[in-house]
Amino acid sequence: MSTADHSTINSACTSTSGKDQSYLLKLCGSHKVSYQPNSDWDCYVDDAQKPIDMDLILPHYRARYQPINHRMNMFVGTEAGPVKLKICRSFSRSKFYLEVQASMSDVTLYLPSDFKGRIHHVGKAKFSSGFVNRVMQNVYFTDSDDEGSESEDCVVVVTNGTIMFRMWDVQTCAPENPQKETFKRMFGCSKKAPETTIDWDFLLEG
């Protein structure tokens, strides 16, 4: 899968089948991601300047003609606007590949608490208490943007800004509760992830 061409600035999920078909997406609010058989991307958003604040809702069923091992492929790009994405799913077998190309922008990602797979990021990364408590143990960080196996989740984030990883709770279908997760962290209710060398004895929750 190739990185989207940033010379085209738009906000669209695209489906091409001999004729150009596209529909504009709102850059804020919820969007249901659906299988696009005639496109490399099931969801494609690219805007130069506007802030992006979206809840990307993954399907809880496999669409007709969707290959069994197909991951939902999502791309979000921007040149200057801040990016905030929540990846929401109620069905853990709905694996996904998310690529964010954000140039200079700060990026906040809420990944589902049942995330299992790889993360590749270019940019300074921070991790919330909820992410450390519930997600970190099932993540391995890579030095390359290899897409990995179709049976696992994969996130690629490239920016010169700051990346904040947070947790979206699949049990409550809501973002993490910062106070609750910080409390768990303070009293040692979760283990330090062996994949990271960051010292988690002190964690500042913003």
N, C-alpha and C. Protein backbone atom coordinates (compact mmCIF):
# COMPACT_ATOMS: atom_id res chain seq x y z
N MET A 1 0.85 -1.18 0.00
CA MET A 1 0.00 0.00 0.00
C MET A 1 0.88 1.23 0.00
N SER A 2 0.65 2.16 -0.87
CA SER A 2 1.49 3.34 -0.97
C SER A 2 0.88 4.51 -0.22
N THR A 3 1.72 5.40 0.25
CA THR A 3 1.26 6.57 0.96
C THR A 3 0.52 7.48 0.01
N ALA A 4 -0.56 8.06 0.49
CA ALA A 4 -1.39 8.90 -0.37
C ALA A 4 -0.63 10.11 -0.86
N ASP A 5 -1.01 10.59 -2.04
CA ASP A 5 -0.37 11.72 -2.66
C ASP A 5 -0.84 13.01 -1.99
N HIS A 6 0.07 13.74 -1.34
CA HIS A 6 -0.32 14.94 -0.62
C HIS A 6 -0.48 16.13 -1.55
N SER A 7 -0.21 15.99 -2.86
CA SER A 7 -0.44 17.10 -3.77
C SER A 7 -1.93 17.29 -4.02
N THR A 8 -2.73 16.28 -3.67
CA THR A 8 -4.19 16.39 -3.78
C THR A 8 -4.74 16.67 -2.39
N ILE A 9 -5.30 17.84 -2.22
CA ILE A 9 -5.82 18.23 -0.92
C ILE A 9 -7.34 18.18 -0.97
N ASN A 10 -7.92 17.22 -0.25
CA ASN A 10 -9.37 17.13 -0.16
C ASN A 10 -9.74 16.38 1.10
N SER A 11 -11.00 16.19 1.30
CA SER A 11 -11.48 15.40 2.43
C SER A 11 -12.50 14.44 1.86
N ALA A 12 -12.12 13.19 1.63
CA ALA A 12 -13.03 12.29 0.96
C ALA A 12 -12.72 10.86 1.29
N CYS A 13 -13.76 10.02 1.27
CA CYS A 13 -13.59 8.59 1.17
C CYS A 13 -13.82 8.29 -0.30
N THR A 14 -12.89 7.62 -0.93
CA THR A 14 -12.97 7.47 -2.38
C THR A 14 -13.23 6.04 -2.78
N SER A 15 -13.96 5.88 -3.85
CA SER A 15 -14.21 4.59 -4.45
C SER A 15 -14.17 4.78 -5.95
N THR A 16 -13.21 4.15 -6.63
CA THR A 16 -13.05 4.34 -8.06
C THR A 16 -13.32 3.04 -8.78
N SER A 17 -14.22 3.07 -9.75
CA SER A 17 -14.55 1.89 -10.54
C SER A 17 -14.78 2.32 -11.98
N GLY A 18 -13.71 2.88 -12.59
CA GLY A 18 -13.82 3.35 -13.95
C GLY A 18 -14.31 4.79 -14.02
N LYS A 19 -15.02 5.23 -13.01
CA LYS A 19 -15.47 6.62 -12.94
C LYS A 19 -15.22 7.13 -11.53
N ASP A 20 -14.94 8.43 -11.45
CA ASP A 20 -14.59 9.01 -10.17
C ASP A 20 -15.83 9.16 -9.30
N GLN A 21 -15.81 8.50 -8.14
CA GLN A 21 -16.91 8.61 -7.20
C GLN A 21 -16.32 8.99 -5.85
N SER A 22 -16.80 10.07 -5.28
CA SER A 22 -16.31 10.49 -3.98
C SER A 22 -17.38 11.28 -3.26
N TYR A 23 -17.33 11.26 -1.93
CA TYR A 23 -18.25 12.08 -1.16
C TYR A 23 -17.49 12.73 -0.02
N LEU A 24 -17.82 13.98 0.23
CA LEU A 24 -17.09 14.75 1.22
C LEU A 24 -17.40 14.27 2.62
N LEU A 25 -16.41 14.30 3.46
CA LEU A 25 -16.57 13.94 4.86
C LEU A 25 -16.50 15.19 5.72
N LYS A 26 -17.28 15.22 6.76
CA LYS A 26 -17.10 16.24 7.77
C LYS A 26 -15.83 15.92 8.53
N LEU A 27 -15.05 16.94 8.81
CA LEU A 27 -13.78 16.72 9.50
C LEU A 27 -13.95 16.62 11.01
N CYS A 28 -15.17 16.79 11.50
CA CYS A 28 -15.46 16.64 12.91
C CYS A 28 -16.66 15.71 13.08
N GLY A 29 -16.67 14.96 14.17
CA GLY A 29 -17.80 14.09 14.44
C GLY A 29 -17.54 12.65 14.05
N SER A 30 -18.61 11.86 14.06
CA SER A 30 -18.51 10.41 13.82
C SER A 30 -18.60 10.08 12.35
N HIS A 31 -17.84 9.06 11.95
CA HIS A 31 -17.91 8.55 10.59
C HIS A 31 -17.82 7.03 10.61
N LYS A 32 -18.78 6.37 10.01
CA LYS A 32 -18.76 4.91 9.91
C LYS A 32 -17.89 4.50 8.74
N VAL A 33 -16.85 3.74 9.04
CA VAL A 33 -15.93 3.25 8.01
C VAL A 33 -16.53 2.01 7.38
N SER A 34 -16.60 1.98 6.06
CA SER A 34 -17.17 0.84 5.36
C SER A 34 -16.21 0.34 4.29
N TYR A 35 -16.31 -0.92 3.98
CA TYR A 35 -15.44 -1.56 2.99
C TYR A 35 -15.63 -0.94 1.61
N GLN A 36 -14.51 -0.54 1.00
CA GLN A 36 -14.54 0.06 -0.34
C GLN A 36 -13.78 -0.88 -1.29
N PRO A 37 -14.47 -1.75 -2.00
CA PRO A 37 -13.80 -2.78 -2.79
C PRO A 37 -12.96 -2.24 -3.95
N ASN A 38 -13.24 -1.03 -4.41
CA ASN A 38 -12.55 -0.50 -5.58
C ASN A 38 -11.54 0.59 -5.24
N SER A 39 -11.12 0.62 -3.99
CA SER A 39 -10.16 1.63 -3.55
C SER A 39 -9.13 1.01 -2.63
N ASP A 40 -7.92 1.60 -2.61
CA ASP A 40 -6.90 1.15 -1.68
C ASP A 40 -7.27 1.49 -0.24
N TRP A 41 -8.10 2.52 -0.07
CA TRP A 41 -8.44 3.01 1.26
C TRP A 41 -9.94 2.87 1.50
N ASP A 42 -10.29 2.34 2.66
CA ASP A 42 -11.70 2.28 3.05
C ASP A 42 -12.15 3.63 3.60
N CYS A 43 -11.21 4.41 4.08
CA CYS A 43 -11.49 5.78 4.49
C CYS A 43 -10.27 6.63 4.18
N TYR A 44 -10.47 7.75 3.51
CA TYR A 44 -9.37 8.62 3.09
C TYR A 44 -9.74 10.06 3.40
N VAL A 45 -8.95 10.72 4.24
CA VAL A 45 -9.18 12.11 4.61
C VAL A 45 -7.88 12.87 4.44
N ASP A 46 -7.91 13.97 3.69
CA ASP A 46 -6.70 14.76 3.46
C ASP A 46 -7.10 16.22 3.36
N ASP A 47 -6.67 17.02 4.32
CA ASP A 47 -6.99 18.44 4.32
C ASP A 47 -5.77 19.22 4.78
N ALA A 48 -5.50 20.35 4.11
CA ALA A 48 -4.26 21.06 4.36
C ALA A 48 -4.23 21.79 5.69
N GLN A 49 -5.29 22.51 6.04
CA GLN A 49 -5.22 23.45 7.14
C GLN A 49 -6.22 23.19 8.26
N LYS A 50 -7.38 22.64 7.96
CA LYS A 50 -8.45 22.56 8.95
C LYS A 50 -8.16 21.52 10.03
N PRO A 51 -8.57 21.78 11.27
CA PRO A 51 -8.45 20.77 12.32
C PRO A 51 -9.29 19.54 11.99
N ILE A 52 -8.78 18.37 12.35
CA ILE A 52 -9.49 17.11 12.14
C ILE A 52 -9.78 16.49 13.50
N ASP A 53 -11.05 16.26 13.78
CA ASP A 53 -11.47 15.68 15.06
C ASP A 53 -12.58 14.69 14.75
N MET A 54 -12.21 13.43 14.55
CA MET A 54 -13.15 12.44 14.04
C MET A 54 -13.18 11.19 14.90
N ASP A 55 -14.37 10.60 15.01
CA ASP A 55 -14.55 9.26 15.56
C ASP A 55 -14.73 8.32 14.38
N LEU A 56 -13.75 7.46 14.14
CA LEU A 56 -13.83 6.51 13.03
C LEU A 56 -14.38 5.19 13.57
N ILE A 57 -15.61 4.88 13.20
CA ILE A 57 -16.32 3.73 13.75
C ILE A 57 -16.16 2.53 12.81
N LEU A 58 -15.49 1.51 13.29
CA LEU A 58 -15.26 0.32 12.48
C LEU A 58 -16.50 -0.56 12.46
N PRO A 59 -16.74 -1.25 11.36
CA PRO A 59 -17.95 -2.08 11.26
C PRO A 59 -17.88 -3.29 12.19
N HIS A 60 -19.05 -3.73 12.66
CA HIS A 60 -19.10 -4.91 13.52
C HIS A 60 -19.48 -6.16 12.73
N TYR A 61 -19.45 -6.06 11.42
CA TYR A 61 -19.78 -7.19 10.55
C TYR A 61 -18.92 -7.11 9.30
N ARG A 62 -18.77 -8.21 8.62
CA ARG A 62 -18.02 -8.24 7.37
C ARG A 62 -18.96 -7.98 6.21
N ALA A 63 -18.60 -7.01 5.40
CA ALA A 63 -19.46 -6.63 4.29
C ALA A 63 -19.48 -7.72 3.22
N ARG A 64 -20.50 -7.70 2.41
CA ARG A 64 -20.62 -8.65 1.31
C ARG A 64 -19.43 -8.46 0.36
N TYR A 65 -18.82 -9.55 -0.03
CA TYR A 65 -17.66 -9.58 -0.93
C TYR A 65 -16.36 -9.10 -0.26
N GLN A 66 -16.41 -8.76 1.02
CA GLN A 66 -15.19 -8.36 1.71
C GLN A 66 -14.37 -9.60 2.04
N PRO A 67 -13.10 -9.65 1.62
CA PRO A 67 -12.25 -10.80 1.95
C PRO A 67 -12.17 -11.03 3.45
N ILE A 68 -12.09 -12.27 3.85
CA ILE A 68 -12.08 -12.61 5.27
C ILE A 68 -10.92 -11.95 6.00
N ASN A 69 -9.75 -11.86 5.36
CA ASN A 69 -8.57 -11.33 6.03
C ASN A 69 -8.35 -9.84 5.76
N HIS A 70 -9.36 -9.15 5.25
CA HIS A 70 -9.20 -7.74 4.93
C HIS A 70 -9.21 -6.86 6.17
N ARG A 71 -8.20 -6.00 6.30
CA ARG A 71 -8.19 -4.99 7.34
C ARG A 71 -8.82 -3.71 6.80
N MET A 72 -9.51 -2.99 7.67
CA MET A 72 -10.03 -1.70 7.27
C MET A 72 -8.87 -0.72 7.17
N ASN A 73 -8.64 -0.18 5.97
CA ASN A 73 -7.50 0.68 5.70
C ASN A 73 -7.93 2.15 5.73
N MET A 74 -7.29 2.93 6.59
CA MET A 74 -7.67 4.32 6.78
C MET A 74 -6.46 5.22 6.66
N PHE A 75 -6.64 6.33 5.97
CA PHE A 75 -5.57 7.32 5.82
C PHE A 75 -6.10 8.69 6.23
N VAL A 76 -5.31 9.40 7.03
CA VAL A 76 -5.64 10.77 7.42
C VAL A 76 -4.39 11.62 7.23
N GLY A 77 -4.53 12.71 6.46
CA GLY A 77 -3.40 13.58 6.18
C GLY A 77 -3.74 15.04 6.39
N THR A 78 -2.75 15.80 6.81
CA THR A 78 -2.91 17.24 6.98
C THR A 78 -1.54 17.89 6.87
N GLU A 79 -1.55 19.20 6.61
CA GLU A 79 -0.30 19.95 6.55
C GLU A 79 -0.07 20.78 7.80
N ALA A 80 -1.15 21.30 8.40
CA ALA A 80 -0.97 22.21 9.53
C ALA A 80 -1.99 22.04 10.63
N GLY A 81 -3.19 21.55 10.32
CA GLY A 81 -4.23 21.45 11.33
C GLY A 81 -3.98 20.34 12.32
N PRO A 82 -4.34 20.52 13.60
CA PRO A 82 -4.19 19.45 14.59
C PRO A 82 -5.12 18.28 14.26
N VAL A 83 -4.71 17.09 14.67
CA VAL A 83 -5.46 15.86 14.36
C VAL A 83 -5.84 15.16 15.65
N LYS A 84 -7.11 14.81 15.77
CA LYS A 84 -7.60 14.03 16.91
C LYS A 84 -8.50 12.94 16.36
N LEU A 85 -8.11 11.69 16.56
CA LEU A 85 -8.85 10.56 16.01
C LEU A 85 -9.16 9.55 17.11
N LYS A 86 -10.40 9.09 17.12
CA LYS A 86 -10.78 7.97 17.98
C LYS A 86 -11.14 6.79 17.07
N ILE A 87 -10.46 5.67 17.27
CA ILE A 87 -10.76 4.45 16.52
C ILE A 87 -11.68 3.61 17.39
N CYS A 88 -12.94 3.53 16.98
CA CYS A 88 -13.97 2.89 17.80
C CYS A 88 -14.40 1.57 17.17
N ARG A 89 -14.36 0.53 17.96
CA ARG A 89 -14.85 -0.75 17.45
C ARG A 89 -15.46 -1.56 18.59
N SER A 90 -16.43 -2.37 18.22
CA SER A 90 -17.08 -3.25 19.19
C SER A 90 -16.81 -4.71 18.88
N PHE A 91 -16.03 -4.96 17.83
CA PHE A 91 -15.76 -6.32 17.37
C PHE A 91 -14.27 -6.45 17.14
N SER A 92 -13.56 -7.17 18.01
CA SER A 92 -12.10 -7.20 17.98
C SER A 92 -11.55 -7.83 16.71
N ARG A 93 -12.36 -8.62 16.01
CA ARG A 93 -11.88 -9.25 14.78
C ARG A 93 -11.86 -8.27 13.61
N SER A 94 -12.38 -7.06 13.82
CA SER A 94 -12.33 -6.04 12.79
C SER A 94 -10.98 -5.33 12.87
N LYS A 95 -9.96 -5.93 12.26
CA LYS A 95 -8.61 -5.37 12.32
C LYS A 95 -8.51 -4.15 11.42
N PHE A 96 -7.53 -3.29 11.71
CA PHE A 96 -7.40 -2.07 10.92
C PHE A 96 -5.94 -1.68 10.71
N TYR A 97 -5.74 -0.93 9.64
CA TYR A 97 -4.46 -0.28 9.34
C TYR A 97 -4.75 1.22 9.27
N LEU A 98 -4.06 2.00 10.09
CA LEU A 98 -4.26 3.44 10.12
C LEU A 98 -2.94 4.13 9.82
N GLU A 99 -2.95 5.03 8.84
CA GLU A 99 -1.78 5.83 8.52
C GLU A 99 -2.13 7.30 8.68
N VAL A 100 -1.30 8.02 9.45
CA VAL A 100 -1.50 9.44 9.65
C VAL A 100 -0.24 10.17 9.21
N GLN A 101 -0.37 11.04 8.22
CA GLN A 101 0.72 11.89 7.76
C GLN A 101 0.34 13.32 8.12
N ALA A 102 1.04 13.90 9.10
CA ALA A 102 0.56 15.15 9.69
C ALA A 102 1.55 16.30 9.60
N SER A 103 2.64 16.15 8.88
CA SER A 103 3.59 17.24 8.67
C SER A 103 4.06 17.83 10.00
N MET A 104 3.59 19.03 10.36
CA MET A 104 4.03 19.69 11.59
C MET A 104 3.00 19.60 12.70
N SER A 105 1.90 18.92 12.47
CA SER A 105 0.75 18.97 13.39
C SER A 105 0.93 18.05 14.60
N ASP A 106 0.28 18.43 15.70
CA ASP A 106 0.15 17.54 16.85
C ASP A 106 -0.97 16.54 16.56
N VAL A 107 -0.77 15.30 17.01
CA VAL A 107 -1.71 14.22 16.74
C VAL A 107 -2.11 13.54 18.05
N THR A 108 -3.40 13.38 18.25
CA THR A 108 -3.91 12.61 19.38
C THR A 108 -4.69 11.41 18.84
N LEU A 109 -4.27 10.23 19.24
CA LEU A 109 -4.93 9.01 18.78
C LEU A 109 -5.49 8.24 19.97
N TYR A 110 -6.78 7.92 19.90
CA TYR A 110 -7.41 7.01 20.85
C TYR A 110 -7.51 5.64 20.18
N LEU A 111 -6.72 4.70 20.64
CA LEU A 111 -6.74 3.35 20.08
C LEU A 111 -7.58 2.44 20.97
N PRO A 112 -8.29 1.47 20.37
CA PRO A 112 -9.16 0.60 21.17
C PRO A 112 -8.38 -0.20 22.20
N SER A 113 -9.00 -0.44 23.34
CA SER A 113 -8.32 -1.13 24.44
C SER A 113 -7.96 -2.57 24.08
N ASP A 114 -8.59 -3.14 23.04
CA ASP A 114 -8.25 -4.50 22.60
C ASP A 114 -7.28 -4.48 21.43
N PHE A 115 -6.60 -3.36 21.21
CA PHE A 115 -5.60 -3.24 20.14
C PHE A 115 -4.52 -4.30 20.33
N LYS A 116 -4.18 -4.98 19.24
CA LYS A 116 -3.07 -5.94 19.26
C LYS A 116 -2.33 -5.83 17.94
N GLY A 117 -1.08 -5.36 18.03
CA GLY A 117 -0.32 -5.23 16.79
C GLY A 117 0.85 -4.29 16.94
N ARG A 118 1.19 -3.62 15.83
CA ARG A 118 2.41 -2.82 15.78
C ARG A 118 2.10 -1.34 15.60
N ILE A 119 3.02 -0.53 16.11
CA ILE A 119 2.95 0.91 15.94
C ILE A 119 4.31 1.41 15.48
N HIS A 120 4.30 2.20 14.42
CA HIS A 120 5.51 2.89 13.95
C HIS A 120 5.21 4.38 13.99
N HIS A 121 6.05 5.15 14.66
CA HIS A 121 5.81 6.58 14.70
C HIS A 121 7.10 7.36 14.51
N VAL A 122 6.97 8.48 13.82
CA VAL A 122 8.04 9.46 13.67
C VAL A 122 7.52 10.74 14.30
N GLY A 123 8.11 11.13 15.39
CA GLY A 123 7.63 12.26 16.17
C GLY A 123 7.70 11.91 17.64
N LYS A 124 7.68 12.91 18.49
CA LYS A 124 7.76 12.69 19.93
C LYS A 124 6.45 12.11 20.43
N ALA A 125 6.52 10.95 21.08
CA ALA A 125 5.31 10.26 21.53
C ALA A 125 5.14 10.37 23.05
N LYS A 126 3.88 10.55 23.46
CA LYS A 126 3.50 10.52 24.86
C LYS A 126 2.38 9.50 25.01
N PHE A 127 2.24 8.96 26.23
CA PHE A 127 1.27 7.90 26.45
C PHE A 127 0.44 8.20 27.69
N SER A 128 -0.87 8.13 27.55
CA SER A 128 -1.75 8.36 28.69
C SER A 128 -1.73 7.16 29.64
N SER A 129 -2.26 7.37 30.83
CA SER A 129 -2.33 6.28 31.80
C SER A 129 -3.18 5.13 31.27
N GLY A 130 -4.30 5.47 30.63
CA GLY A 130 -5.17 4.43 30.08
C GLY A 130 -4.48 3.60 29.02
N PHE A 131 -3.69 4.25 28.18
CA PHE A 131 -2.95 3.52 27.14
C PHE A 131 -1.94 2.57 27.77
N VAL A 132 -1.22 3.07 28.76
CA VAL A 132 -0.21 2.24 29.43
C VAL A 132 -0.87 1.06 30.15
N ASN A 133 -1.98 1.33 30.83
CA ASN A 133 -2.66 0.30 31.62
C ASN A 133 -3.26 -0.80 30.76
N ARG A 134 -3.87 -0.43 29.62
CA ARG A 134 -4.72 -1.37 28.90
C ARG A 134 -4.21 -1.76 27.52
N VAL A 135 -3.37 -0.94 26.90
CA VAL A 135 -2.99 -1.18 25.51
C VAL A 135 -1.52 -1.57 25.36
N MET A 136 -0.65 -0.91 26.09
CA MET A 136 0.79 -1.02 25.87
C MET A 136 1.29 -2.46 25.85
N GLN A 137 0.72 -3.33 26.68
CA GLN A 137 1.21 -4.70 26.77
C GLN A 137 0.99 -5.49 25.49
N ASN A 138 0.08 -5.02 24.64
CA ASN A 138 -0.21 -5.72 23.39
C ASN A 138 0.35 -5.01 22.17
N VAL A 139 1.28 -4.06 22.40
CA VAL A 139 1.87 -3.28 21.31
C VAL A 139 3.35 -3.61 21.19
N TYR A 140 3.83 -3.71 19.95
CA TYR A 140 5.26 -3.67 19.77
C TYR A 140 5.58 -2.58 18.76
N PHE A 141 6.60 -1.78 19.12
CA PHE A 141 6.98 -0.63 18.32
C PHE A 141 8.06 -1.04 17.32
N THR A 142 7.93 -0.54 16.09
CA THR A 142 8.86 -0.91 15.03
C THR A 142 9.58 0.33 14.52
N ASP A 143 10.73 0.09 13.89
CA ASP A 143 11.53 1.18 13.33
C ASP A 143 11.18 1.45 11.87
N SER A 144 10.32 0.63 11.30
CA SER A 144 9.94 0.81 9.91
C SER A 144 8.42 0.83 9.81
N ASP A 145 7.93 1.30 8.64
CA ASP A 145 6.49 1.38 8.43
C ASP A 145 5.93 0.13 7.76
N ASP A 146 6.56 -1.01 8.04
CA ASP A 146 6.07 -2.28 7.54
C ASP A 146 4.63 -2.50 7.99
N GLU A 147 3.76 -2.87 7.06
CA GLU A 147 2.34 -3.01 7.37
C GLU A 147 2.03 -4.21 8.25
N GLY A 148 2.96 -5.16 8.33
CA GLY A 148 2.74 -6.31 9.19
C GLY A 148 1.73 -7.28 8.63
N SER A 149 1.24 -8.15 9.51
CA SER A 149 0.31 -9.20 9.11
C SER A 149 -1.12 -8.67 9.05
N GLU A 150 -1.91 -9.25 8.16
CA GLU A 150 -3.32 -8.88 8.05
C GLU A 150 -4.10 -9.27 9.29
N SER A 151 -3.53 -10.12 10.12
CA SER A 151 -4.25 -10.60 11.31
C SER A 151 -4.01 -9.72 12.53
N GLU A 152 -3.29 -8.61 12.36
CA GLU A 152 -3.01 -7.72 13.47
C GLU A 152 -3.33 -6.28 13.10
N ASP A 153 -3.49 -5.45 14.12
CA ASP A 153 -3.69 -4.03 13.90
C ASP A 153 -2.34 -3.37 13.59
N CYS A 154 -2.40 -2.26 12.88
CA CYS A 154 -1.16 -1.55 12.56
C CYS A 154 -1.45 -0.05 12.49
N VAL A 155 -0.57 0.74 13.11
CA VAL A 155 -0.69 2.20 13.09
C VAL A 155 0.65 2.79 12.67
N VAL A 156 0.61 3.71 11.72
CA VAL A 156 1.79 4.45 11.26
C VAL A 156 1.49 5.93 11.41
N VAL A 157 2.32 6.65 12.16
CA VAL A 157 2.13 8.08 12.36
C VAL A 157 3.44 8.80 12.05
N VAL A 158 3.37 9.78 11.14
CA VAL A 158 4.54 10.56 10.77
C VAL A 158 4.21 12.04 10.95
N THR A 159 4.93 12.70 11.84
CA THR A 159 4.72 14.13 12.08
C THR A 159 5.95 14.70 12.75
N ASN A 160 6.13 16.01 12.61
CA ASN A 160 7.16 16.71 13.36
C ASN A 160 6.60 17.30 14.65
N GLY A 161 5.32 17.08 14.87
CA GLY A 161 4.68 17.53 16.10
C GLY A 161 4.72 16.44 17.16
N THR A 162 3.89 16.60 18.17
CA THR A 162 3.81 15.65 19.28
C THR A 162 2.67 14.66 19.03
N ILE A 163 2.89 13.40 19.37
CA ILE A 163 1.88 12.36 19.23
C ILE A 163 1.45 11.93 20.62
N MET A 164 0.15 11.99 20.88
CA MET A 164 -0.39 11.54 22.16
C MET A 164 -1.22 10.29 21.94
N PHE A 165 -0.82 9.19 22.53
CA PHE A 165 -1.57 7.94 22.43
C PHE A 165 -2.46 7.79 23.66
N ARG A 166 -3.75 7.63 23.42
CA ARG A 166 -4.73 7.42 24.48
C ARG A 166 -5.53 6.15 24.19
N MET A 167 -6.40 5.79 25.12
CA MET A 167 -7.16 4.54 25.01
C MET A 167 -8.65 4.81 24.85
N TRP A 168 -9.25 4.12 23.89
CA TRP A 168 -10.71 4.10 23.74
C TRP A 168 -11.20 2.77 24.29
N ASP A 169 -12.04 2.82 25.31
CA ASP A 169 -12.48 1.63 26.05
C ASP A 169 -13.57 0.89 25.28
N VAL A 170 -13.28 -0.34 24.85
CA VAL A 170 -14.26 -1.11 24.08
C VAL A 170 -15.40 -1.62 24.95
N GLN A 171 -15.19 -1.65 26.26
CA GLN A 171 -16.24 -2.12 27.16
C GLN A 171 -17.29 -1.04 27.43
N THR A 172 -16.84 0.18 27.60
CA THR A 172 -17.78 1.27 27.85
C THR A 172 -18.14 2.03 26.59
N CYS A 173 -17.44 1.72 25.48
CA CYS A 173 -17.64 2.44 24.21
C CYS A 173 -17.46 3.94 24.41
N ALA A 174 -16.39 4.29 25.10
CA ALA A 174 -16.12 5.68 25.41
C ALA A 174 -14.62 5.87 25.61
N PRO A 175 -14.15 7.11 25.50
CA PRO A 175 -12.73 7.37 25.79
C PRO A 175 -12.41 7.02 27.24
N GLU A 176 -11.13 6.82 27.49
CA GLU A 176 -10.69 6.48 28.84
C GLU A 176 -11.09 7.55 29.85
N ASN A 177 -11.26 7.12 31.09
CA ASN A 177 -11.50 8.03 32.20
C ASN A 177 -10.13 8.38 32.80
N PRO A 178 -9.62 9.59 32.55
CA PRO A 178 -8.25 9.92 32.98
C PRO A 178 -8.02 9.75 34.48
N GLN A 179 -9.01 10.19 35.30
CA GLN A 179 -8.83 10.09 36.75
C GLN A 179 -8.76 8.63 37.19
N LYS A 180 -9.64 7.82 36.66
CA LYS A 180 -9.67 6.41 37.02
C LYS A 180 -8.38 5.69 36.61
N GLU A 181 -7.93 5.96 35.38
CA GLU A 181 -6.73 5.28 34.87
C GLU A 181 -5.47 5.77 35.59
N THR A 182 -5.43 7.06 35.90
CA THR A 182 -4.28 7.58 36.65
C THR A 182 -4.23 6.98 38.05
N PHE A 183 -5.39 6.80 38.66
CA PHE A 183 -5.47 6.17 39.98
C PHE A 183 -4.89 4.75 39.92
N LYS A 184 -5.28 3.99 38.88
CA LYS A 184 -4.74 2.63 38.72
C LYS A 184 -3.23 2.67 38.59
N ARG A 185 -2.74 3.65 37.84
CA ARG A 185 -1.31 3.74 37.61
C ARG A 185 -0.55 4.06 38.90
N MET A 186 -1.10 4.99 39.67
CA MET A 186 -0.44 5.42 40.90
C MET A 186 -0.31 4.30 41.91
N PHE A 187 -1.32 3.42 41.94
CA PHE A 187 -1.33 2.36 42.95
C PHE A 187 -0.88 1.02 42.39
N GLY A 188 -0.22 1.07 41.24
CA GLY A 188 0.43 -0.12 40.72
C GLY A 188 -0.51 -1.22 40.32
N CYS A 189 -1.68 -0.87 39.78
CA CYS A 189 -2.65 -1.89 39.38
C CYS A 189 -2.34 -2.46 38.00
N SER A 190 -1.34 -1.93 37.33
CA SER A 190 -0.95 -2.43 36.01
C SER A 190 0.56 -2.52 35.94
N LYS A 191 1.05 -3.33 35.03
CA LYS A 191 2.47 -3.61 34.94
C LYS A 191 3.15 -2.71 33.93
N LYS A 192 4.44 -2.50 34.14
CA LYS A 192 5.25 -1.76 33.20
C LYS A 192 5.44 -2.60 31.94
N ALA A 193 5.28 -1.96 30.78
CA ALA A 193 5.41 -2.68 29.52
C ALA A 193 6.88 -2.93 29.21
N PRO A 194 7.26 -4.19 28.90
CA PRO A 194 8.66 -4.49 28.63
C PRO A 194 9.15 -3.93 27.32
N GLU A 195 8.23 -3.54 26.41
CA GLU A 195 8.64 -3.08 25.09
C GLU A 195 9.22 -1.67 25.12
N THR A 196 9.01 -0.92 26.19
CA THR A 196 9.44 0.47 26.21
C THR A 196 10.48 0.69 27.30
N THR A 197 11.41 1.60 27.05
CA THR A 197 12.44 1.92 28.02
C THR A 197 12.08 3.18 28.80
N ILE A 198 10.89 3.70 28.59
CA ILE A 198 10.45 4.91 29.29
C ILE A 198 10.24 4.59 30.77
N ASP A 199 10.67 5.50 31.63
CA ASP A 199 10.49 5.32 33.07
C ASP A 199 9.07 5.73 33.44
N TRP A 200 8.24 4.74 33.80
CA TRP A 200 6.84 5.02 34.13
C TRP A 200 6.64 5.22 35.63
N ASP A 201 7.75 5.35 36.42
CA ASP A 201 7.58 5.60 37.85
C ASP A 201 6.96 6.98 38.09
N PHE A 202 7.09 7.85 37.11
CA PHE A 202 6.42 9.16 37.18
C PHE A 202 5.72 9.40 35.87
N LEU A 203 4.41 9.66 35.93
CA LEU A 203 3.62 9.89 34.72
C LEU A 203 2.75 11.10 34.94
N LEU A 204 2.91 12.11 34.08
CA LEU A 204 2.11 13.32 34.15
C LEU A 204 0.93 13.19 33.20
N GLU A 205 -0.27 13.21 33.74
CA GLU A 205 -1.49 13.08 32.95
C GLU A 205 -2.03 14.45 32.61
N GLY A 206 -2.13 14.76 31.29
CA GLY A 206 -2.60 16.06 30.88
C GLY A 206 -4.08 16.07 30.60
